[in-house]
Amino acid sequence: MSNPFHVDEFKKNSLTEWLGRDFIYLNEVESTNTYLKRLPSDQLGHGTVLLTDNQTAGRGQYEKSWISDPCKNLTFTIALKPEINVSLTLLTLGCASAVSDVLQKYSPNPLRIKWPNDIFVNDKKLAGILTESVFMGNRIERVLIGIGININQTEIQQLNSYSSCSLTDLSTVKFTREELLNECLHEIELMYEKWVHSSPVMIKSINSKLIGYGEWVKIQVYNELLPDTFKCLGVNGKGELLMLNEQLDVDKFSYEQVRIVPIKQAVPKV
C-alpha cells in the first residue's frame, strides 16, 4: 500500500518563490483540471497548484483517459493567470522541457519530448501534459496545466499504440513524490519566467529534446500520414512547428494539426 502525499513535508522543502505556495491537496477528485476550471476566479490565484492522490477521471490530449493508481504517481494541475499574450503551445512544451530536466536526473537514458505534450523514454511514455484555457470575453482568464507523471506504478494499462513506463522502472535512486514535485515546480517556475520574456534559451532547450528535431521525418495531419518527407526544424517563438519540405520551403504547423513520425515508425498505407 503506497503512502498518501505528505503535504507538510512538501511545504517544508518548497523551492519556489510563488509557484505552489497556494497549494491544494485533495485525496480524490475526478480531474484536477476540471476542478480548477470550475473554481471561482476570486478563489484561484496565480500559481495555485492542486494535487490529488486519486484522479478518478483523468484526461489527456483529445479526451483520452489518463489512468493512475492511487498514491503511486504525481497527478497535479498548475493554475496560471498570465498578463501577456504568448503562445500557450510554447508554454506546454516549456513545461515538458522543465519536467524532463528533473526526471532526467533519475534516468540513464535520454528523455525526449513527443510533440506536442508528452515525455518519452525508450519509446515509452513517462509523463503527459494537458493545457486548457478559460476565457473571459476574448481575454484569457486562466491557464490550467495538468501534469501526470508515472512514478511508482509498475503495471500500467496500455490505452494507445505506445506503451508506458514509470520512473521506478528507470532508476535505482531513492526519491519521494514530495521531493520530485518540489523539483518540478522549481524548474517550471524558472521556465515560466523565460516564457514571459520569450527567451530563446527556452526554445533551444525544447528543440534539443524534441523527437525528430534535425531529422527527416514523416508527419501526420489530422490522422492522415502525408506522402512527403520533411526535415524537422523545431519550434519557433510563436510555438509553431517548422518543417522543411522536399521543395526546400518551410511549412508551419500549429498545436492541433500535426504529429511527428520518425521514418522508422512510418507505415505506408496499403
Protein backbone atom coordinates (compact mmCIF):
# COMPACT_ATOMS: atom_id res chain seq x y z
CA MET A 1 0.00 0.00 0.00
CA SER A 2 1.51 3.33 -1.08
CA ASN A 3 1.52 6.26 1.32
CA PRO A 4 -0.63 9.37 0.76
CA PHE A 5 1.13 12.54 -0.32
CA HIS A 6 2.75 14.25 2.69
CA VAL A 7 1.69 17.89 2.35
CA ASP A 8 3.69 19.17 5.34
CA GLU A 9 6.91 17.63 4.05
CA PHE A 10 6.28 19.13 0.62
CA LYS A 11 5.65 22.61 2.01
CA LYS A 12 8.63 22.45 4.38
CA ASN A 13 11.02 21.80 1.50
CA SER A 14 9.49 24.12 -1.10
CA LEU A 15 12.00 25.52 -3.62
CA THR A 16 9.81 28.12 -5.34
CA GLU A 17 9.15 31.82 -4.79
CA TRP A 18 5.48 31.81 -5.85
CA LEU A 19 4.51 28.68 -7.75
CA GLY A 20 2.69 26.21 -5.50
CA ARG A 21 2.78 28.45 -2.44
CA ASP A 22 -1.00 28.28 -2.68
CA PHE A 23 -1.33 24.50 -2.55
CA ILE A 24 -4.50 22.42 -2.57
CA TYR A 25 -4.43 18.71 -1.73
CA LEU A 26 -7.45 16.50 -2.36
CA ASN A 27 -7.45 12.83 -1.52
CA GLU A 28 -9.69 12.14 -4.51
CA VAL A 29 -11.05 14.19 -7.39
CA GLU A 30 -12.49 13.46 -10.80
CA SER A 31 -9.98 15.63 -12.64
CA THR A 32 -7.57 18.25 -11.29
CA ASN A 33 -8.01 20.37 -14.43
CA THR A 34 -11.79 20.21 -14.23
CA TYR A 35 -11.79 21.09 -10.52
CA LEU A 36 -9.73 24.25 -11.05
CA LYS A 37 -11.69 25.14 -14.17
CA ARG A 38 -14.87 25.32 -12.07
CA LEU A 39 -13.32 27.25 -9.18
CA PRO A 40 -14.49 30.92 -8.98
CA SER A 41 -11.84 33.36 -10.16
CA ASP A 42 -11.57 35.12 -6.79
CA GLN A 43 -10.71 31.77 -5.16
CA LEU A 44 -7.91 30.97 -7.59
CA GLY A 45 -4.57 32.74 -7.50
CA HIS A 46 -1.76 32.87 -10.00
CA GLY A 47 0.47 29.88 -9.27
CA THR A 48 -2.07 27.77 -7.39
CA VAL A 49 -1.28 24.04 -7.55
CA LEU A 50 -3.83 21.28 -6.99
CA LEU A 51 -2.61 17.72 -6.40
CA THR A 52 -4.64 14.59 -5.84
CA ASP A 53 -3.67 11.06 -4.87
CA ASN A 54 -6.61 9.56 -6.75
CA GLN A 55 -7.78 11.07 -10.01
CA THR A 56 -10.84 9.07 -10.98
CA ALA A 57 -11.42 10.52 -14.46
CA GLY A 58 -8.08 11.90 -15.58
CA ARG A 59 -7.89 13.25 -19.11
CA GLY A 60 -5.15 13.53 -21.67
CA GLN A 61 -5.00 15.17 -25.07
CA TYR A 62 -8.13 14.70 -27.23
CA GLU A 63 -10.11 13.45 -24.22
CA LYS A 64 -8.00 10.31 -23.92
CA SER A 65 -8.05 8.74 -20.45
CA TRP A 66 -5.13 9.08 -18.06
CA ILE A 67 -5.17 6.14 -15.66
CA SER A 68 -3.18 6.38 -12.43
CA ASP A 69 -3.33 4.11 -9.39
CA PRO A 70 -3.98 5.90 -6.07
CA CYS A 71 -0.96 7.27 -4.18
CA LYS A 72 1.60 5.96 -6.67
CA ASN A 73 2.19 8.80 -9.12
CA LEU A 74 2.07 12.57 -9.45
CA THR A 75 -1.18 13.99 -10.84
CA PHE A 76 -1.48 17.75 -10.43
CA THR A 77 -2.59 20.94 -12.15
CA ILE A 78 -0.93 24.35 -12.16
CA ALA A 79 -3.18 27.42 -12.49
CA LEU A 80 -1.66 30.50 -14.11
CA LYS A 81 -3.07 33.94 -14.87
CA PRO A 82 -0.67 35.39 -17.45
CA GLU A 83 -0.92 39.08 -18.22
CA ILE A 84 0.66 38.70 -21.64
CA ASN A 85 -0.33 37.05 -24.89
CA VAL A 86 2.40 34.49 -25.58
CA SER A 87 1.97 31.11 -27.27
CA LEU A 88 0.32 28.55 -25.00
CA THR A 89 1.81 25.80 -27.16
CA LEU A 90 5.24 27.08 -26.18
CA LEU A 91 4.16 27.13 -22.53
CA THR A 92 3.12 23.47 -22.74
CA LEU A 93 6.38 22.49 -24.40
CA GLY A 94 8.33 24.57 -21.88
CA CYS A 95 6.67 22.69 -19.01
CA ALA A 96 7.53 19.40 -20.71
CA SER A 97 11.14 20.53 -21.01
CA ALA A 98 11.27 21.62 -17.36
CA VAL A 99 9.81 18.32 -16.09
CA SER A 100 12.17 16.41 -18.38
CA ASP A 101 15.15 18.19 -16.83
CA VAL A 102 14.08 16.96 -13.38
CA LEU A 103 13.29 13.38 -14.37
CA GLN A 104 16.46 13.10 -16.47
CA LYS A 105 18.48 13.03 -13.23
CA TYR A 106 16.88 9.67 -12.45
CA SER A 107 17.15 8.07 -15.88
CA PRO A 108 20.26 6.61 -17.54
CA ASN A 109 18.58 7.06 -20.94
CA PRO A 110 17.67 10.39 -22.55
CA LEU A 111 14.16 11.76 -22.11
CA ARG A 112 12.53 13.19 -25.21
CA ILE A 113 9.52 15.40 -25.89
CA LYS A 114 6.91 13.95 -28.24
CA TRP A 115 5.12 16.84 -29.93
CA PRO A 116 3.07 18.43 -28.57
CA ASN A 117 2.76 17.36 -24.93
CA ASP A 118 4.27 14.02 -23.90
CA ILE A 119 7.58 12.94 -22.33
CA PHE A 120 9.04 9.68 -23.61
CA VAL A 121 12.00 7.49 -22.75
CA ASN A 122 12.96 4.32 -24.65
CA ASP A 123 9.87 4.81 -26.86
CA LYS A 124 7.67 4.60 -23.77
CA LYS A 125 5.50 7.33 -22.28
CA LEU A 126 6.66 8.56 -18.88
CA ALA A 127 4.59 11.73 -18.47
CA GLY A 128 1.91 13.77 -20.19
CA ILE A 129 0.69 17.35 -20.10
CA LEU A 130 -2.76 18.79 -20.84
CA THR A 131 -3.10 22.57 -21.16
CA GLU A 132 -6.56 24.18 -21.10
CA SER A 133 -7.63 27.82 -21.12
CA VAL A 134 -10.60 29.62 -19.60
CA PHE A 135 -11.61 32.83 -21.37
CA MET A 136 -13.43 35.90 -20.15
CA GLY A 137 -14.59 37.55 -23.35
CA ASN A 138 -11.57 37.49 -25.63
CA ARG A 139 -9.12 37.57 -22.73
CA ILE A 140 -7.51 34.51 -21.17
CA GLU A 141 -8.73 34.42 -17.58
CA ARG A 142 -6.72 31.36 -16.51
CA VAL A 143 -4.44 28.71 -17.97
CA LEU A 144 -4.56 25.23 -16.46
CA ILE A 145 -1.60 22.92 -16.98
CA GLY A 146 -2.39 19.37 -15.95
CA ILE A 147 0.64 17.13 -15.48
CA GLY A 148 0.70 13.39 -14.93
CA ILE A 149 3.98 11.61 -14.17
CA ASN A 150 4.27 7.85 -13.73
CA ILE A 151 6.35 7.42 -10.58
CA ASN A 152 5.81 4.15 -8.70
CA GLN A 153 3.19 2.39 -10.78
CA THR A 154 4.63 -0.89 -12.03
CA GLU A 155 1.65 -2.11 -14.06
CA ILE A 156 0.35 0.50 -16.47
CA GLN A 157 -2.64 -0.14 -18.71
CA GLN A 158 -1.83 0.46 -22.37
CA LEU A 159 -4.53 2.68 -23.86
CA ASN A 160 -2.80 3.79 -27.03
CA SER A 161 -0.49 2.45 -29.72
CA TYR A 162 2.53 3.03 -27.48
CA SER A 163 3.46 1.56 -24.11
CA SER A 164 4.20 3.42 -20.90
CA CYS A 165 6.76 3.22 -18.11
CA SER A 166 7.33 4.70 -14.67
CA LEU A 167 10.28 6.37 -13.01
CA THR A 168 10.96 3.35 -10.82
CA ASP A 169 11.47 1.32 -13.99
CA LEU A 170 14.39 3.59 -14.86
CA SER A 171 16.06 4.47 -11.59
CA THR A 172 17.63 2.81 -8.57
CA VAL A 173 17.95 6.19 -6.84
CA LYS A 174 15.66 6.69 -3.86
CA PHE A 175 13.30 9.63 -4.11
CA THR A 176 9.94 10.74 -2.78
CA ARG A 177 6.96 12.18 -4.60
CA GLU A 178 7.17 15.27 -2.40
CA GLU A 179 10.78 15.85 -3.44
CA LEU A 180 10.02 15.33 -7.13
CA LEU A 181 7.07 17.72 -7.08
CA ASN A 182 9.19 20.43 -5.44
CA GLU A 183 11.90 19.96 -8.06
CA CYS A 184 9.38 20.04 -10.91
CA LEU A 185 7.67 23.21 -9.66
CA HIS A 186 11.04 24.91 -9.22
CA GLU A 187 12.04 24.16 -12.82
CA ILE A 188 8.61 25.16 -14.15
CA GLU A 189 8.77 28.45 -12.25
CA LEU A 190 12.14 29.25 -13.86
CA MET A 191 10.80 28.20 -17.25
CA TYR A 192 7.70 30.39 -16.86
CA GLU A 193 9.85 33.48 -16.49
CA LYS A 194 11.65 32.54 -19.71
CA TRP A 195 8.27 32.08 -21.41
CA VAL A 196 7.07 35.50 -20.25
CA HIS A 197 10.19 37.11 -21.74
CA SER A 198 10.17 34.97 -24.91
CA SER A 199 13.64 33.69 -24.08
CA PRO A 200 15.46 31.90 -26.93
CA VAL A 201 17.09 29.74 -24.23
CA MET A 202 13.75 28.04 -23.60
CA ILE A 203 13.18 27.39 -27.30
CA LYS A 204 16.68 25.91 -27.62
CA SER A 205 16.01 23.65 -24.63
CA ILE A 206 12.73 22.43 -26.13
CA ASN A 207 14.23 21.73 -29.54
CA SER A 208 17.16 19.82 -28.09
CA LYS A 209 14.68 17.30 -26.61
CA LEU A 210 12.11 17.23 -29.41
CA ILE A 211 11.70 13.83 -31.07
CA GLY A 212 12.63 14.21 -34.74
CA TYR A 213 14.47 17.51 -34.37
CA GLY A 214 17.06 17.94 -37.12
CA GLU A 215 15.92 14.74 -38.84
CA TRP A 216 13.97 13.92 -41.98
CA VAL A 217 10.62 12.60 -40.78
CA LYS A 218 7.09 11.86 -41.87
CA ILE A 219 4.22 13.91 -40.49
CA GLN A 220 0.64 13.01 -39.72
CA VAL A 221 -2.01 15.71 -40.10
CA TYR A 222 -5.47 15.01 -38.67
CA ASN A 223 -4.55 11.28 -38.52
CA GLU A 224 -3.54 11.27 -42.19
CA LEU A 225 0.06 10.30 -42.95
CA LEU A 226 1.36 12.67 -45.64
CA PRO A 227 3.32 11.06 -48.50
CA ASP A 228 6.19 13.58 -48.45
CA THR A 229 9.21 13.66 -46.15
CA PHE A 230 10.06 16.73 -44.08
CA LYS A 231 13.06 17.90 -42.10
CA CYS A 232 12.05 18.97 -38.59
CA LEU A 233 13.47 22.42 -37.82
CA GLY A 234 11.92 22.61 -34.36
CA VAL A 235 9.63 25.23 -32.85
CA ASN A 236 9.79 28.99 -33.21
CA GLY A 237 8.94 31.80 -30.79
CA LYS A 238 5.23 31.50 -31.64
CA GLY A 239 5.16 27.84 -30.75
CA GLU A 240 4.80 26.82 -34.38
CA LEU A 241 6.45 23.65 -35.64
CA LEU A 242 8.72 24.39 -38.59
CA MET A 243 9.14 21.69 -41.22
CA LEU A 244 11.34 21.91 -44.32
CA ASN A 245 9.56 20.22 -47.21
CA GLU A 246 11.07 18.44 -50.20
CA GLN A 247 10.84 21.65 -52.25
CA LEU A 248 13.02 23.33 -49.56
CA ASP A 249 10.20 25.61 -48.44
CA VAL A 250 9.36 25.94 -44.74
CA ASP A 251 5.88 24.85 -43.69
CA LYS A 252 4.46 25.94 -40.34
CA PHE A 253 2.15 23.75 -38.30
CA SER A 254 0.18 24.59 -35.20
CA TYR A 255 -0.55 22.70 -31.98
CA GLU A 256 -3.57 20.69 -33.05
CA GLN A 257 -2.56 19.77 -36.56
CA VAL A 258 0.47 17.59 -36.71
CA ARG A 259 2.27 14.59 -35.29
CA ILE A 260 5.93 13.89 -36.00
CA VAL A 261 6.50 10.33 -37.15
CA PRO A 262 10.13 9.14 -37.31
CA ILE A 263 10.90 7.39 -40.57
CA LYS A 264 11.40 4.03 -38.85
CA GLN A 265 7.88 4.25 -37.39
CA ALA A 266 6.09 5.47 -40.51
CA VAL A 267 3.97 2.72 -42.01
CA PRO A 268 2.69 3.36 -45.53
CA LYS A 269 -1.00 2.96 -46.16
CA VAL A 270 -2.00 -0.18 -48.01
